[in-house]
Protein backbone atom coordinates (compact mmCIF):
# COMPACT_ATOMS: atom_id res chain seq x y z
CA MET A 1 -50.35 41.48 67.30
CA CYS A 2 -48.95 40.45 63.94
CA ASN A 3 -51.37 42.77 62.17
CA SER A 4 -50.49 45.81 64.28
CA SER A 5 -48.67 48.69 62.67
CA LEU A 6 -45.20 49.63 63.87
CA GLU A 7 -46.69 52.79 65.33
CA ASP A 8 -49.25 50.79 67.32
CA LEU A 9 -46.54 48.43 68.55
CA PHE A 10 -44.37 51.35 69.61
CA LEU A 11 -47.23 52.82 71.63
CA LEU A 12 -47.80 49.47 73.33
CA VAL A 13 -44.07 49.18 74.09
CA LYS A 14 -44.22 52.57 75.76
CA GLU A 15 -46.87 51.03 78.02
CA SER A 16 -44.45 48.18 78.90
CA ASN A 17 -46.18 45.56 76.77
CA GLU A 18 -43.58 42.79 76.41
CA ASP A 19 -45.39 41.00 73.57
CA ALA A 20 -45.42 44.23 71.58
CA PHE A 21 -41.70 44.68 72.25
CA ASP A 22 -40.98 41.17 70.99
CA GLU A 23 -43.00 41.78 67.83
CA LEU A 24 -41.41 45.18 67.23
CA TYR A 25 -37.94 43.70 67.75
CA HIS A 26 -38.53 40.83 65.33
CA ARG A 27 -39.90 43.15 62.67
CA THR A 28 -37.14 45.75 62.87
CA TRP A 29 -33.82 44.34 64.15
CA LYS A 30 -32.50 43.08 60.83
CA LYS A 31 -33.06 46.31 58.91
CA LEU A 32 -31.67 48.45 61.74
CA TYR A 33 -28.63 46.19 62.03
CA GLU A 34 -28.01 46.42 58.27
CA ILE A 35 -28.15 50.22 58.43
CA ALA A 36 -25.82 50.37 61.44
CA LEU A 37 -23.38 47.94 59.84
CA ARG A 38 -23.31 49.91 56.60
CA ARG A 39 -22.54 53.13 58.45
CA LEU A 40 -20.13 51.77 61.05
CA GLN A 41 -18.39 49.09 58.93
CA HIS A 42 -17.85 47.02 62.08
CA GLU A 43 -20.06 44.11 63.13
CA ASN A 44 -19.57 44.32 66.89
CA LYS A 45 -20.10 48.08 66.99
CA ALA A 46 -23.25 47.74 64.89
CA LYS A 47 -24.57 45.05 67.25
CA GLU A 48 -23.81 47.23 70.27
CA VAL A 49 -25.62 50.21 68.77
CA ILE A 50 -28.71 48.15 68.03
CA GLN A 51 -28.62 46.54 71.46
CA ASP A 52 -28.41 49.97 73.09
CA LEU A 53 -31.28 51.18 70.96
CA TYR A 54 -33.58 48.41 72.16
CA ILE A 55 -32.46 48.74 75.78
CA ASP A 56 -33.28 52.44 75.76
């Protein structure tokens, strides 16, 4: 799964593939958190936003 594109992983996640979710999470969480933190200027709020994003 390491060679899959983000688009392919997203499609697999939509099919409830947990391995794909794990891979997608590990590839994207840091960048998304950095963006949220930059915009919100608050660590806990940024973490909450990212957590909500992955839960949805």
